[in-house]
Amino acid sequence: MNDGVNGVALAVFIIFFLAVTVMGFLASRWRKAENEHSLDEWGLGGRSFGTWVTWFLLGGDLYTAYTFVAVPAAIYAAGAAGFFAVPYTILVYPLIFTFLPRLWSVSHKHGYVTTSDFVRGRFGSKGLSLAVAVTGILATMPYIALQLVGIQAVLDVMGVGGGENTNWFVKDLPLLIAFGVLAAYTYSSGLRAPALIAFVKDTLIYIVIAVAIIYIPIKLGGFDDVFGAASEKYTAAKAGGLVPLEAGQWTYATLALGSALALFMYPHSITATLSSRSREVIRRNTTLLPLYSLMLGLLALLGFMAIAAGVKVTNPQLAIPQLFEDMFPSWFAGVAFAAIGIGALVPAAIMSIAAANLFTRNIYKDFIKPDATPAQETKVSKLVSLLVKVGALVFVLTMDKTVAINFQLLGGIWILQTFPALVGGLFTRWFHRWALLAGWAVGMIYGTLAAYGVASPTQKHFGGSAKEIPGIGEIGYIGLTAFVLNVVVTVVLTFALKAAKVPDGVDETSPEDYTADAGDPGVQVELPPATAGTTH
């Protein structure tokens, strides 16, 4: 790793960073709303985005800077098992094709801003809605922190901030500046800022990957040499070569399936979805988004290239930035670093908005100030989005990066436990609200305790997300095991509660709400000032 600053790369990085900063602030004038003081406008972009904006926005919040850094880093450090991210992104799109259009329809009909809004309306339960909201916020916080980890990895490789002995403020100043800019334009422009910047972010990422997948192998002697070097390393380390070891196949399969089920449970995924202007936009996007899976597969190959290039780093998260530094001309390394840096800003903005919307709608409005006006909701959401980002920044600056990664894995276990209430509720009213709450609690408790008992070389607790599956004996993804327990408890208790004739909550939705489109009579596209922020 270079000890000095790569001036050319840094200059290119700064130019792109300044460009997207200007775009972030100008986004407040893009499709300017008549009434900016509502969560429909600040938090959902006016629910007005078409196919291409939605495609870039969803891609922007699903394929993050951390994806750019972590997926090939997993290949670099652990071998082909790191490819689990590719099949799970393939599995997820047929799944979301079945339920996202239904969620969009019912949310537009009733003015729902969050998944917890839907759960409250569907099951008539503020308690269950609160559980979903708290889970979403907890799962999102470490995810935001990892975006800052991605920026920090790029800054480290460029030599910005000085060495380990540098004063902490000087060392972290570039990250603090990036955070300040992100916080400012998110507060000002809301969801429109990441939506506009996502065009730049994804274009840069596609260019960098296209160049990398051709240019780097040519410099290394071709793909035969790349795969040969990787195979030698894995074989020597007894890591199974280019194929996962048989002992790890259950882990690979359950992690891929569990991750696919969890991906669109995250609040930021739903926020981007609900910002679309019609049901058909969502359907079209579920068929277009697999193009990102192709990009992800090519991105993963960079892990093999880092091995073949002889990249040596103590932290695998630095492997790909260091590969770019070593292999590309300085000016194009700056472009690649900008792609990663901007790839952090877009999802971090969406995630903070999504978490803030959950707090505002399902904690502040439901339990603290039920008579909050739309303007008050928007103000609270803006402030909370700042607090969420501050929390993520403190997390990154005060804790080891491995801790941030492992807490993000824990967040995936948690968010999967909201699947029965959200997706189940979109297709059936059969589940009892108290059974869903009990199932959620069992899944959360088991998943947390099981993850607590997993150790790693650097951590005594929360050292991973895989453990022996009870009754099977194979090592599998803790989140999927917790999910199965969640579903079993929910089904059994639903039978018991219905048999005991325990009253269920009132469902404010009707069957036709789940297939309604924006142009249908009665569909609420924009709430009038007198009733904005309420559900019907």
Protein backbone atom coordinates (compact mmCIF):
# COMPACT_ATOMS: atom_id res chain seq x y z
CA MET A 1 0.00 0.00 0.00
CA ASN A 2 1.28 3.46 -0.83
CA ASP A 3 2.36 5.60 2.12
CA GLY A 4 1.87 8.94 0.35
CA VAL A 5 -1.18 10.60 -1.14
CA ASN A 6 -2.12 9.67 -4.71
CA GLY A 7 -2.63 13.26 -5.85
CA VAL A 8 -4.07 12.52 -9.30
CA ALA A 9 -6.56 9.95 -8.00
CA LEU A 10 -7.54 12.26 -5.16
CA ALA A 11 -8.13 15.16 -7.56
CA VAL A 12 -10.40 13.05 -9.78
CA PHE A 13 -12.22 11.75 -6.70
CA ILE A 14 -12.80 15.31 -5.43
CA ILE A 15 -14.12 16.50 -8.83
CA PHE A 16 -16.75 13.74 -8.90
CA PHE A 17 -17.58 14.26 -5.23
CA LEU A 18 -18.15 17.98 -5.78
CA ALA A 19 -20.29 17.25 -8.84
CA VAL A 20 -22.65 14.94 -6.96
CA THR A 21 -22.73 17.35 -4.02
CA VAL A 22 -24.04 20.08 -6.32
CA MET A 23 -26.54 17.59 -7.79
CA GLY A 24 -27.67 16.67 -4.29
CA PHE A 25 -28.57 20.23 -3.42
CA LEU A 26 -30.10 20.98 -6.85
CA ALA A 27 -32.30 17.89 -6.50
CA SER A 28 -34.66 19.89 -4.27
CA ARG A 29 -35.67 21.79 -7.44
CA TRP A 30 -36.08 18.62 -9.52
CA ARG A 31 -39.80 17.89 -9.94
CA LYS A 32 -40.44 20.52 -7.28
CA ALA A 33 -43.54 19.80 -5.24
CA GLU A 34 -46.38 22.22 -4.55
CA ASN A 35 -46.32 21.16 -0.88
CA GLU A 36 -42.85 20.18 0.31
CA HIS A 37 -43.94 19.73 3.92
CA SER A 38 -45.11 16.12 3.76
CA LEU A 39 -43.41 12.74 3.94
CA ASP A 40 -44.90 11.88 0.57
CA GLU A 41 -42.68 14.58 -0.91
CA TRP A 42 -39.54 14.59 1.27
CA GLY A 43 -39.46 10.88 2.10
CA LEU A 44 -40.93 9.36 -1.08
CA GLY A 45 -40.06 11.89 -3.77
CA GLY A 46 -43.72 12.69 -4.38
CA ARG A 47 -44.38 9.03 -5.35
CA SER A 48 -43.62 10.21 -8.88
CA PHE A 49 -40.63 8.23 -10.18
CA GLY A 50 -40.90 6.34 -13.46
CA THR A 51 -39.23 3.13 -14.64
CA TRP A 52 -35.69 4.38 -15.18
CA VAL A 53 -35.46 6.57 -12.10
CA THR A 54 -36.83 3.73 -9.98
CA TRP A 55 -34.40 1.27 -11.57
CA PHE A 56 -31.41 3.45 -10.74
CA LEU A 57 -32.78 4.25 -7.28
CA LEU A 58 -33.40 0.60 -6.38
CA GLY A 59 -30.04 -0.37 -7.81
CA GLY A 60 -28.51 2.51 -5.90
CA ASP A 61 -29.76 1.33 -2.54
CA LEU A 62 -29.32 -2.43 -3.10
CA TYR A 63 -25.85 -2.40 -4.70
CA THR A 64 -23.88 -0.22 -2.34
CA ALA A 65 -20.28 0.81 -1.79
CA TYR A 66 -20.05 -1.98 0.72
CA THR A 67 -21.21 -4.43 -1.96
CA PHE A 68 -18.47 -3.10 -4.24
CA VAL A 69 -15.88 -3.64 -1.49
CA ALA A 70 -17.19 -6.64 0.46
CA VAL A 71 -18.29 -9.15 -2.19
CA PRO A 72 -14.89 -9.41 -3.94
CA ALA A 73 -13.23 -9.09 -0.50
CA ALA A 74 -15.09 -12.23 0.56
CA ILE A 75 -13.84 -14.01 -2.57
CA TYR A 76 -10.32 -12.72 -1.88
CA ALA A 77 -10.32 -13.95 1.72
CA ALA A 78 -12.57 -17.02 1.75
CA GLY A 79 -12.85 -18.35 -1.78
CA ALA A 80 -15.85 -19.25 -3.89
CA ALA A 81 -18.18 -19.27 -0.88
CA GLY A 82 -18.25 -15.49 -1.29
CA PHE A 83 -20.27 -15.95 -4.48
CA PHE A 84 -23.41 -16.60 -2.38
CA ALA A 85 -24.41 -12.99 -3.11
CA VAL A 86 -24.91 -13.81 -6.81
CA PRO A 87 -27.54 -16.59 -6.49
CA TYR A 88 -29.43 -14.75 -3.77
CA THR A 89 -29.86 -11.68 -5.97
CA ILE A 90 -31.14 -13.98 -8.71
CA LEU A 91 -33.60 -15.68 -6.34
CA VAL A 92 -34.98 -12.42 -4.99
CA TYR A 93 -36.46 -10.97 -8.20
CA PRO A 94 -39.11 -13.64 -8.93
CA LEU A 95 -40.00 -13.40 -5.24
CA ILE A 96 -40.52 -9.64 -5.22
CA PHE A 97 -42.44 -9.82 -8.52
CA THR A 98 -45.17 -11.59 -6.55
CA PHE A 99 -45.52 -9.19 -3.62
CA LEU A 100 -44.05 -5.73 -4.33
CA PRO A 101 -46.83 -4.69 -6.78
CA ARG A 102 -49.40 -5.66 -4.13
CA LEU A 103 -47.57 -3.62 -1.48
CA TRP A 104 -47.34 -0.64 -3.83
CA SER A 105 -51.07 -0.78 -4.60
CA VAL A 106 -52.33 -0.99 -1.03
CA SER A 107 -49.82 1.65 0.11
CA HIS A 108 -50.94 4.12 -2.57
CA LYS A 109 -54.59 3.44 -1.83
CA HIS A 110 -54.19 4.20 1.89
CA GLY A 111 -51.26 6.62 1.88
CA TYR A 112 -48.88 4.22 3.66
CA VAL A 113 -45.31 5.51 3.83
CA THR A 114 -43.65 2.54 5.59
CA THR A 115 -44.08 -1.20 5.93
CA SER A 116 -45.18 -0.63 9.53
CA ASP A 117 -48.01 1.59 8.26
CA PHE A 118 -49.24 -1.37 6.21
CA VAL A 119 -48.88 -3.85 9.07
CA ARG A 120 -50.82 -1.55 11.41
CA GLY A 121 -53.58 -1.09 8.83
CA ARG A 122 -53.76 -4.75 7.84
CA PHE A 123 -53.77 -6.28 11.32
CA GLY A 124 -55.09 -3.38 13.40
CA SER A 125 -52.12 -3.67 15.75
CA LYS A 126 -49.88 -0.79 16.82
CA GLY A 127 -47.79 -3.27 18.83
CA LEU A 128 -46.97 -5.38 15.78
CA SER A 129 -46.37 -2.21 13.78
CA LEU A 130 -43.95 -0.98 16.47
CA ALA A 131 -42.09 -4.30 16.40
CA VAL A 132 -41.61 -4.04 12.63
CA ALA A 133 -40.51 -0.40 12.90
CA VAL A 134 -37.96 -0.99 15.66
CA THR A 135 -36.56 -4.00 13.80
CA GLY A 136 -36.20 -1.94 10.63
CA ILE A 137 -34.37 0.88 12.41
CA LEU A 138 -32.03 -1.50 14.26
CA ALA A 139 -31.21 -3.43 11.09
CA THR A 140 -30.57 -0.27 9.08
CA MET A 141 -28.16 1.47 11.46
CA PRO A 142 -25.15 -0.85 10.93
CA TYR A 143 -25.94 -0.93 7.20
CA ILE A 144 -25.45 2.84 7.05
CA ALA A 145 -22.24 2.47 9.05
CA LEU A 146 -20.88 0.06 6.44
CA GLN A 147 -21.34 2.66 3.72
CA LEU A 148 -19.03 4.93 5.69
CA VAL A 149 -16.62 1.99 6.04
CA GLY A 150 -16.60 1.79 2.23
CA ILE A 151 -15.68 5.47 1.94
CA GLN A 152 -13.02 5.06 4.60
CA ALA A 153 -11.45 2.13 2.73
CA VAL A 154 -11.06 4.30 -0.39
CA LEU A 155 -9.61 7.20 1.60
CA ASP A 156 -7.12 4.85 3.30
CA VAL A 157 -5.84 3.50 -0.01
CA MET A 158 -5.52 7.02 -1.46
CA GLY A 159 -3.39 7.93 1.57
CA VAL A 160 -5.77 10.63 2.78
CA GLY A 161 -5.79 11.43 6.48
CA GLY A 162 -2.23 10.41 7.35
CA GLY A 163 -0.90 7.31 9.06
CA GLU A 164 -1.94 5.47 12.21
CA ASN A 165 -0.04 7.92 14.43
CA THR A 166 -1.81 10.96 12.99
CA ASN A 167 -4.11 12.97 15.26
CA TRP A 168 -7.57 11.32 15.18
CA PHE A 169 -9.31 14.49 14.00
CA VAL A 170 -6.95 14.98 11.06
CA LYS A 171 -7.13 11.30 10.18
CA ASP A 172 -10.93 11.22 10.16
CA LEU A 173 -11.50 14.73 8.78
CA PRO A 174 -12.13 13.59 5.16
CA LEU A 175 -14.78 11.14 6.39
CA LEU A 176 -16.34 13.87 8.55
CA ILE A 177 -16.52 16.18 5.53
CA ALA A 178 -18.17 13.48 3.40
CA PHE A 179 -20.64 12.83 6.21
CA GLY A 180 -21.45 16.52 6.56
CA VAL A 181 -22.17 16.90 2.85
CA LEU A 182 -24.34 13.76 2.85
CA ALA A 183 -26.31 14.99 5.86
CA ALA A 184 -26.82 18.46 4.39
CA TYR A 185 -28.21 17.54 0.99
CA THR A 186 -30.33 14.69 2.38
CA TYR A 187 -31.91 17.14 4.84
CA SER A 188 -32.48 19.66 2.05
CA SER A 189 -33.65 17.47 -0.83
CA GLY A 190 -34.94 14.25 0.73
CA LEU A 191 -35.28 11.20 -1.53
CA ARG A 192 -34.85 13.29 -4.67
CA ALA A 193 -31.13 13.71 -3.90
CA PRO A 194 -30.13 10.02 -3.97
CA ALA A 195 -32.52 9.44 -6.89
CA LEU A 196 -30.68 12.02 -9.00
CA ILE A 197 -27.19 11.01 -7.85
CA ALA A 198 -27.93 7.32 -8.50
CA PHE A 199 -27.63 7.98 -12.24
CA VAL A 200 -24.01 9.07 -11.79
CA LYS A 201 -23.23 6.34 -9.27
CA ASP A 202 -24.46 3.43 -11.37
CA THR A 203 -22.97 4.76 -14.60
CA LEU A 204 -19.56 5.04 -12.93
CA ILE A 205 -19.83 1.55 -11.45
CA TYR A 206 -20.74 -0.02 -14.78
CA ILE A 207 -17.86 1.77 -16.51
CA VAL A 208 -15.35 0.74 -13.82
CA ILE A 209 -16.42 -2.90 -13.83
CA ALA A 210 -16.45 -3.09 -17.65
CA VAL A 211 -12.93 -1.68 -17.79
CA ALA A 212 -11.68 -3.78 -14.87
CA ILE A 213 -13.00 -7.07 -16.23
CA ILE A 214 -11.11 -6.50 -19.51
CA TYR A 215 -8.07 -4.41 -18.60
CA ILE A 216 -6.88 -6.13 -15.41
CA PRO A 217 -6.89 -9.73 -16.75
CA ILE A 218 -4.92 -8.55 -19.80
CA LYS A 219 -2.27 -7.08 -17.48
CA LEU A 220 -2.22 -10.29 -15.44
CA GLY A 221 -1.82 -12.63 -18.40
CA GLY A 222 -5.44 -13.65 -18.96
CA PHE A 223 -8.18 -15.36 -16.98
CA ASP A 224 -6.31 -18.69 -17.00
CA ASP A 225 -3.59 -17.12 -14.89
CA VAL A 226 -6.12 -15.32 -12.70
CA PHE A 227 -8.06 -18.49 -11.85
CA GLY A 228 -4.87 -20.51 -11.56
CA ALA A 229 -3.41 -18.16 -8.96
CA ALA A 230 -6.66 -18.15 -7.00
CA SER A 231 -6.93 -21.94 -7.09
CA GLU A 232 -3.37 -22.33 -5.82
CA LYS A 233 -4.03 -20.00 -2.89
CA TYR A 234 -7.27 -21.70 -1.86
CA THR A 235 -5.85 -25.20 -2.23
CA ALA A 236 -2.83 -24.29 -0.12
CA ALA A 237 -5.12 -22.83 2.53
CA LYS A 238 -7.42 -25.90 2.31
CA ALA A 239 -10.32 -23.60 1.45
CA GLY A 240 -11.73 -25.81 -1.29
CA GLY A 241 -10.17 -24.25 -4.35
CA LEU A 242 -12.65 -22.59 -6.69
CA VAL A 243 -15.55 -24.69 -5.36
CA PRO A 244 -16.92 -24.43 -1.79
CA LEU A 245 -16.05 -27.39 0.43
CA GLU A 246 -18.83 -29.94 0.94
CA ALA A 247 -18.97 -29.02 4.63
CA GLY A 248 -19.89 -25.48 3.70
CA GLN A 249 -22.64 -26.19 1.21
CA TRP A 250 -25.48 -25.98 3.72
CA THR A 251 -24.13 -22.64 4.89
CA TYR A 252 -23.87 -21.42 1.30
CA ALA A 253 -27.41 -22.49 0.38
CA THR A 254 -29.15 -21.29 3.54
CA LEU A 255 -27.30 -17.97 3.50
CA ALA A 256 -28.30 -17.38 -0.13
CA LEU A 257 -31.97 -18.28 0.52
CA GLY A 258 -32.20 -16.35 3.77
CA SER A 259 -30.55 -13.29 2.25
CA ALA A 260 -32.97 -13.40 -0.69
CA LEU A 261 -35.95 -13.44 1.67
CA ALA A 262 -34.50 -10.59 3.74
CA LEU A 263 -33.32 -8.17 1.05
CA PHE A 264 -36.63 -6.44 0.38
CA MET A 265 -37.62 -6.44 4.04
CA TYR A 266 -35.10 -3.63 4.59
CA PRO A 267 -36.83 -0.22 4.93
CA HIS A 268 -34.70 1.43 2.24
CA SER A 269 -35.78 -1.15 -0.35
CA ILE A 270 -39.43 -0.44 0.39
CA THR A 271 -38.90 3.33 0.42
CA ALA A 272 -37.47 3.19 -3.11
CA THR A 273 -40.36 0.95 -4.17
CA LEU A 274 -43.10 3.20 -2.81
CA SER A 275 -41.59 6.23 -4.55
CA SER A 276 -42.67 4.78 -7.92
CA ARG A 277 -45.59 6.37 -9.72
CA SER A 278 -47.45 3.20 -10.76
CA ARG A 279 -47.83 -0.50 -10.16
CA GLU A 280 -46.49 -1.26 -13.63
CA VAL A 281 -43.24 0.58 -12.85
CA ILE A 282 -42.64 -1.94 -10.07
CA ARG A 283 -43.44 -4.91 -12.29
CA ARG A 284 -41.11 -3.67 -15.01
CA ASN A 285 -38.33 -3.10 -12.50
CA THR A 286 -38.47 -6.63 -11.15
CA THR A 287 -37.71 -7.81 -14.68
CA LEU A 288 -34.93 -5.24 -15.27
CA LEU A 289 -33.13 -5.42 -11.94
CA PRO A 290 -31.47 -8.81 -12.67
CA LEU A 291 -29.07 -6.81 -14.89
CA TYR A 292 -27.46 -5.79 -11.62
CA SER A 293 -26.90 -9.47 -10.79
CA LEU A 294 -24.80 -9.77 -13.93
CA MET A 295 -22.75 -6.80 -12.73
CA LEU A 296 -22.41 -8.42 -9.29
CA GLY A 297 -21.04 -11.62 -10.80
CA LEU A 298 -18.40 -9.66 -12.70
CA LEU A 299 -17.64 -7.62 -9.58
CA ALA A 300 -17.02 -10.80 -7.57
CA LEU A 301 -14.31 -11.84 -10.05
CA LEU A 302 -12.24 -8.89 -8.84
CA GLY A 303 -11.50 -10.95 -5.73
CA PHE A 304 -9.67 -13.53 -7.87
CA MET A 305 -7.85 -10.74 -9.68
CA ALA A 306 -6.63 -9.27 -6.39
CA ILE A 307 -5.05 -12.64 -5.55
CA ALA A 308 -3.43 -12.95 -8.98
CA ALA A 309 -2.12 -9.38 -8.73
CA GLY A 310 -0.42 -10.20 -5.45
CA VAL A 311 -2.39 -7.68 -3.40
CA LYS A 312 -1.37 -7.91 0.26
CA VAL A 313 -3.58 -6.19 2.84
CA THR A 314 -4.24 -6.86 6.52
CA ASN A 315 -7.91 -5.93 6.08
CA PRO A 316 -9.64 -7.77 3.18
CA GLN A 317 -11.98 -4.76 2.78
CA LEU A 318 -9.01 -2.85 1.34
CA ALA A 319 -8.21 -5.50 -1.29
CA ILE A 320 -10.25 -4.06 -4.16
CA PRO A 321 -9.38 -0.39 -3.62
CA GLN A 322 -5.74 -1.49 -3.44
CA LEU A 323 -6.14 -3.54 -6.64
CA PHE A 324 -7.40 -0.42 -8.43
CA GLU A 325 -4.54 1.61 -7.01
CA ASP A 326 -1.98 -0.95 -8.21
CA MET A 327 -3.41 -1.80 -11.63
CA PHE A 328 -5.06 1.33 -13.02
CA PRO A 329 -3.46 4.59 -14.15
CA SER A 330 -3.85 7.15 -11.38
CA TRP A 331 -6.58 9.09 -13.18
CA PHE A 332 -8.75 6.02 -13.70
CA ALA A 333 -8.07 4.81 -10.16
CA GLY A 334 -9.63 8.13 -9.14
CA VAL A 335 -12.71 7.30 -11.24
CA ALA A 336 -12.94 3.88 -9.58
CA PHE A 337 -12.57 5.39 -6.11
CA ALA A 338 -15.26 7.94 -6.96
CA ALA A 339 -17.59 5.10 -8.01
CA ILE A 340 -17.12 3.47 -4.60
CA GLY A 341 -17.43 6.75 -2.69
CA ILE A 342 -20.58 7.85 -4.52
CA GLY A 343 -21.81 4.27 -4.19
CA ALA A 344 -21.79 4.90 -0.44
CA LEU A 345 -23.56 8.26 -0.50
CA VAL A 346 -26.65 7.09 -2.39
CA PRO A 347 -27.66 4.13 -0.20
CA ALA A 348 -26.65 5.91 3.03
CA ALA A 349 -29.05 8.73 2.13
CA ILE A 350 -31.92 6.37 1.30
CA MET A 351 -31.31 4.27 4.41
CA SER A 352 -31.32 7.27 6.72
CA ILE A 353 -34.55 8.55 5.14
CA ALA A 354 -36.20 5.14 5.48
CA ALA A 355 -35.21 4.78 9.13
CA ALA A 356 -36.41 8.32 9.84
CA ASN A 357 -39.77 7.65 8.17
CA LEU A 358 -40.25 4.56 10.36
CA PHE A 359 -39.54 6.52 13.52
CA THR A 360 -41.77 9.43 12.52
CA ARG A 361 -44.79 7.45 11.32
CA ASN A 362 -44.74 4.46 13.64
CA ILE A 363 -43.19 5.72 16.88
CA TYR A 364 -43.56 9.52 16.99
CA LYS A 365 -47.03 9.74 15.38
CA ASP A 366 -48.46 6.49 16.75
CA PHE A 367 -47.25 6.82 20.35
CA ILE A 368 -45.93 10.34 21.05
CA LYS A 369 -47.96 12.87 19.02
CA PRO A 370 -50.95 11.29 17.26
CA ASP A 371 -52.19 14.70 16.08
CA ALA A 372 -48.90 15.61 14.35
CA THR A 373 -49.40 17.68 11.21
CA PRO A 374 -47.73 16.75 7.89
CA ALA A 375 -45.26 19.61 8.38
CA GLN A 376 -44.38 18.37 11.88
CA GLU A 377 -43.91 14.82 10.56
CA THR A 378 -41.56 16.07 7.86
CA LYS A 379 -39.55 18.15 10.32
CA VAL A 380 -39.15 15.23 12.74
CA SER A 381 -38.16 12.89 9.93
CA LYS A 382 -35.49 15.31 8.71
CA LEU A 383 -34.03 15.63 12.21
CA VAL A 384 -34.08 11.88 12.81
CA SER A 385 -32.35 11.25 9.49
CA LEU A 386 -29.50 13.43 10.79
CA LEU A 387 -29.38 11.59 14.11
CA VAL A 388 -29.31 8.22 12.35
CA LYS A 389 -26.31 9.28 10.28
CA VAL A 390 -24.55 10.68 13.36
CA GLY A 391 -25.08 7.35 15.11
CA ALA A 392 -23.61 5.48 12.15
CA LEU A 393 -20.63 7.84 12.07
CA VAL A 394 -19.94 7.37 15.79
CA PHE A 395 -20.20 3.62 15.27
CA VAL A 396 -17.57 3.69 12.53
CA LEU A 397 -15.18 6.03 14.32
CA THR A 398 -15.27 4.31 17.71
CA MET A 399 -15.50 0.60 16.89
CA ASP A 400 -13.44 -1.89 14.93
CA LYS A 401 -14.61 -2.32 11.32
CA THR A 402 -15.13 -6.06 11.91
CA VAL A 403 -17.70 -5.19 14.57
CA ALA A 404 -19.62 -3.06 12.07
CA ILE A 405 -19.63 -5.91 9.56
CA ASN A 406 -20.84 -8.48 12.09
CA PHE A 407 -23.59 -6.20 13.37
CA GLN A 408 -24.77 -5.78 9.79
CA LEU A 409 -24.97 -9.59 9.59
CA LEU A 410 -27.02 -9.52 12.79
CA GLY A 411 -29.26 -6.90 11.19
CA GLY A 412 -29.97 -9.33 8.35
CA ILE A 413 -31.07 -11.96 10.88
CA TRP A 414 -33.38 -9.44 12.55
CA ILE A 415 -34.99 -7.97 9.44
CA LEU A 416 -35.89 -11.44 8.12
CA GLN A 417 -38.21 -11.86 11.12
CA THR A 418 -40.56 -9.20 9.69
CA PHE A 419 -41.26 -11.34 6.60
CA PRO A 420 -44.35 -13.20 7.96
CA ALA A 421 -46.12 -9.99 8.98
CA LEU A 422 -45.31 -8.07 5.79
CA VAL A 423 -45.42 -10.66 3.00
CA GLY A 424 -47.88 -12.92 4.78
CA GLY A 425 -50.18 -9.95 5.30
CA LEU A 426 -50.11 -9.09 1.61
CA PHE A 427 -51.69 -12.41 0.68
CA THR A 428 -53.79 -13.52 3.66
CA ARG A 429 -55.56 -12.16 6.73
CA TRP A 430 -55.49 -15.60 8.37
CA PHE A 431 -52.53 -14.97 10.70
CA HIS A 432 -53.52 -13.63 14.11
CA ARG A 433 -51.79 -10.41 15.13
CA TRP A 434 -50.69 -11.79 18.52
CA ALA A 435 -49.35 -14.94 16.87
CA LEU A 436 -47.31 -12.82 14.45
CA LEU A 437 -45.94 -10.77 17.35
CA ALA A 438 -45.03 -13.92 19.30
CA GLY A 439 -43.39 -15.48 16.23
CA TRP A 440 -41.40 -12.28 15.65
CA ALA A 441 -40.24 -12.31 19.30
CA VAL A 442 -39.14 -15.96 19.15
CA GLY A 443 -37.23 -15.38 15.91
CA MET A 444 -35.55 -12.26 17.27
CA ILE A 445 -34.56 -13.88 20.57
CA TYR A 446 -33.28 -17.10 19.01
CA GLY A 447 -31.42 -15.28 16.22
CA THR A 448 -29.77 -12.84 18.63
CA LEU A 449 -28.73 -15.47 21.17
CA ALA A 450 -27.46 -17.85 18.48
CA ALA A 451 -25.39 -15.07 16.87
CA TYR A 452 -24.10 -14.03 20.30
CA GLY A 453 -22.66 -17.52 20.73
CA VAL A 454 -20.67 -17.42 17.48
CA ALA A 455 -16.99 -16.54 17.94
CA SER A 456 -14.42 -15.45 15.39
CA PRO A 457 -10.65 -14.87 15.50
CA THR A 458 -11.30 -11.20 16.35
CA GLN A 459 -14.53 -11.40 18.37
CA LYS A 460 -15.78 -13.54 21.22
CA HIS A 461 -19.42 -12.83 20.40
CA PHE A 462 -21.36 -11.97 17.23
CA GLY A 463 -18.47 -13.32 15.19
CA GLY A 464 -20.59 -14.65 12.30
CA SER A 465 -24.05 -15.58 11.09
CA ALA A 466 -23.81 -19.38 10.73
CA LYS A 467 -24.34 -22.04 13.38
CA GLU A 468 -25.49 -25.67 13.67
CA ILE A 469 -29.14 -26.06 12.69
CA PRO A 470 -31.07 -27.76 15.55
CA GLY A 471 -32.29 -31.21 14.61
CA ILE A 472 -30.30 -31.33 11.37
CA GLY A 473 -26.74 -31.03 12.56
CA GLU A 474 -25.50 -29.06 9.56
CA ILE A 475 -24.04 -25.56 9.77
CA GLY A 476 -26.53 -23.09 8.33
CA TYR A 477 -27.60 -19.46 8.32
CA ILE A 478 -28.93 -18.43 11.72
CA GLY A 479 -31.43 -16.03 10.18
CA LEU A 480 -33.17 -18.78 8.19
CA THR A 481 -33.37 -21.07 11.25
CA ALA A 482 -34.87 -18.21 13.27
CA PHE A 483 -37.31 -17.52 10.43
CA VAL A 484 -38.51 -21.15 10.40
CA LEU A 485 -39.06 -21.01 14.18
CA ASN A 486 -40.90 -17.71 13.69
CA VAL A 487 -43.27 -19.22 11.11
CA VAL A 488 -43.91 -22.37 13.18
CA VAL A 489 -44.79 -20.36 16.29
CA THR A 490 -46.99 -18.02 14.23
CA VAL A 491 -48.95 -20.86 12.63
CA VAL A 492 -49.42 -22.87 15.84
CA LEU A 493 -50.49 -19.84 17.89
CA THR A 494 -52.84 -18.67 15.14
CA PHE A 495 -54.67 -22.00 15.31
CA ALA A 496 -54.78 -21.79 19.12
CA LEU A 497 -55.92 -18.15 19.28
CA LYS A 498 -58.61 -18.67 16.66
CA ALA A 499 -59.83 -21.80 18.44
CA ALA A 500 -60.04 -19.76 21.66
CA LYS A 501 -61.90 -17.02 19.73
CA VAL A 502 -59.44 -14.33 20.82
CA PRO A 503 -60.49 -11.08 19.08
CA ASP A 504 -58.32 -10.03 16.16
CA GLY A 505 -57.64 -6.48 15.00
CA VAL A 506 -59.68 -4.61 12.40
CA ASP A 507 -58.42 -4.81 8.81
CA GLU A 508 -58.79 -1.40 7.16
CA THR A 509 -57.88 -2.76 3.71
CA SER A 510 -60.08 -4.53 1.17
CA PRO A 511 -59.19 -7.17 -1.50
CA GLU A 512 -59.36 -4.71 -4.40
CA ASP A 513 -56.78 -2.45 -2.72
CA TYR A 514 -54.03 -4.94 -3.52
CA THR A 515 -54.44 -4.70 -7.29
CA ALA A 516 -55.29 -0.99 -7.60
CA ASP A 517 -53.18 1.27 -9.83
CA ALA A 518 -52.53 5.00 -9.69
CA GLY A 519 -55.25 5.82 -12.23
CA ASP A 520 -57.97 3.78 -10.56
CA PRO A 521 -60.83 5.62 -8.82
CA GLY A 522 -60.21 6.13 -5.12
CA VAL A 523 -56.46 5.59 -5.24
CA GLN A 524 -54.73 8.18 -3.10
CA VAL A 525 -51.66 9.38 -5.00
CA GLU A 526 -51.12 12.60 -3.07
CA LEU A 527 -52.69 13.27 0.29
CA PRO A 528 -54.64 16.54 0.62
CA PRO A 529 -53.23 18.95 3.22
CA ALA A 530 -56.07 18.36 5.68
CA THR A 531 -55.55 14.60 5.92
CA ALA A 532 -51.93 14.07 4.91
CA GLY A 533 -50.11 11.75 7.22
CA THR A 534 -53.25 9.75 8.16
CA THR A 535 -54.42 6.37 6.96
CA HIS A 536 -57.92 5.54 5.89
